[in-house]
Amino acid sequence: MRLTIKLNDKLAKALEEKAKKKNKKIEEIIVEVLEKDLKQVGKQELPPNAAFLAGLLKDSGVSEEDYKKYLEKKYL
């Protein structure tokens, strides 16, 4: 599919520089960015102040279900 888009000068320049730095075509950079963004659609994003906590319980021996029960007991 062929698509034409208009970019402001600052964005176009940044895109050109990124493509040149990665030795790729501008089209390839745009596709990478869009694919990455579209994969995130539907995923719940954590607030920045909580994002660093993601994955802390991994390999801790505590299951997600146990943690949910703990939170329910404590806060409900």
Protein backbone atom coordinates (compact mmCIF):
# COMPACT_ATOMS: atom_id res chain seq x y z
CA MET A 1 0.00 0.00 0.00
CA ARG A 2 1.27 3.44 -0.81
CA LEU A 3 0.61 6.31 1.61
CA THR A 4 1.67 9.94 1.57
CA ILE A 5 2.11 11.83 4.83
CA LYS A 6 3.08 15.40 5.62
CA LEU A 7 5.59 16.02 8.40
CA ASN A 8 6.77 19.26 9.92
CA ASP A 9 10.38 20.18 9.13
CA LYS A 10 11.70 19.32 12.59
CA LEU A 11 10.18 15.84 12.57
CA ALA A 12 11.26 15.16 8.99
CA LYS A 13 14.84 16.17 9.79
CA ALA A 14 14.92 13.97 12.90
CA LEU A 15 13.55 11.06 10.88
CA GLU A 16 16.19 11.54 8.18
CA GLU A 17 18.96 11.65 10.77
CA LYS A 18 17.72 8.50 12.50
CA ALA A 19 17.48 6.63 9.21
CA LYS A 20 20.97 7.73 8.22
CA LYS A 21 22.40 6.75 11.61
CA LYS A 22 20.82 3.28 11.40
CA ASN A 23 21.71 2.94 7.72
CA LYS A 24 18.06 2.36 6.84
CA LYS A 25 15.47 3.92 4.60
CA ILE A 26 13.06 6.42 6.12
CA GLU A 27 10.24 4.05 5.21
CA GLU A 28 11.84 1.29 7.30
CA ILE A 29 12.14 3.55 10.33
CA ILE A 30 8.50 4.60 10.05
CA VAL A 31 7.37 0.98 9.76
CA GLU A 32 9.43 -0.02 12.83
CA VAL A 33 7.98 2.80 14.91
CA LEU A 34 4.39 2.10 13.83
CA GLU A 35 4.71 -1.66 14.38
CA LYS A 36 6.13 -1.11 17.87
CA ASP A 37 3.37 1.34 18.73
CA LEU A 38 0.60 -0.85 17.35
CA LYS A 39 1.81 -3.82 19.41
CA GLN A 40 1.19 -1.71 22.50
CA VAL A 41 -2.46 -1.09 21.57
CA GLY A 42 -4.63 -2.87 24.08
CA LYS A 43 -1.86 -3.28 26.61
CA GLN A 44 -2.39 -1.44 29.83
CA GLU A 45 0.44 0.95 30.51
CA LEU A 46 1.60 1.52 34.05
CA PRO A 47 1.95 5.02 35.43
CA PRO A 48 5.61 6.13 35.33
CA ASN A 49 5.92 6.13 39.11
CA ALA A 50 4.86 2.46 39.21
CA ALA A 51 6.55 1.17 36.05
CA PHE A 52 9.78 0.42 37.89
CA LEU A 53 7.88 -2.12 40.03
CA ALA A 54 6.90 -4.26 37.06
CA GLY A 55 8.47 -7.68 37.33
CA LEU A 56 9.66 -7.37 40.91
CA LEU A 57 7.76 -10.47 42.02
CA LYS A 58 9.14 -12.56 39.17
CA ASP A 59 11.30 -15.36 40.59
CA SER A 60 10.27 -14.41 44.13
CA GLY A 61 8.16 -17.49 44.77
CA VAL A 62 5.04 -15.36 45.24
CA SER A 63 2.30 -16.06 42.72
CA GLU A 64 0.24 -13.32 41.16
CA GLU A 65 -2.86 -14.86 42.72
CA ASP A 66 -1.33 -14.80 46.20
CA TYR A 67 -0.34 -11.17 45.75
CA LYS A 68 -3.86 -10.26 44.59
CA LYS A 69 -5.32 -11.97 47.67
CA TYR A 70 -2.90 -10.07 49.88
CA LEU A 71 -3.89 -6.73 48.34
CA GLU A 72 -7.61 -7.51 48.61
CA LYS A 73 -7.25 -8.46 52.25
CA LYS A 74 -5.20 -5.37 53.04
CA TYR A 75 -7.20 -2.76 51.14
CA LEU A 76 -10.76 -4.08 50.81
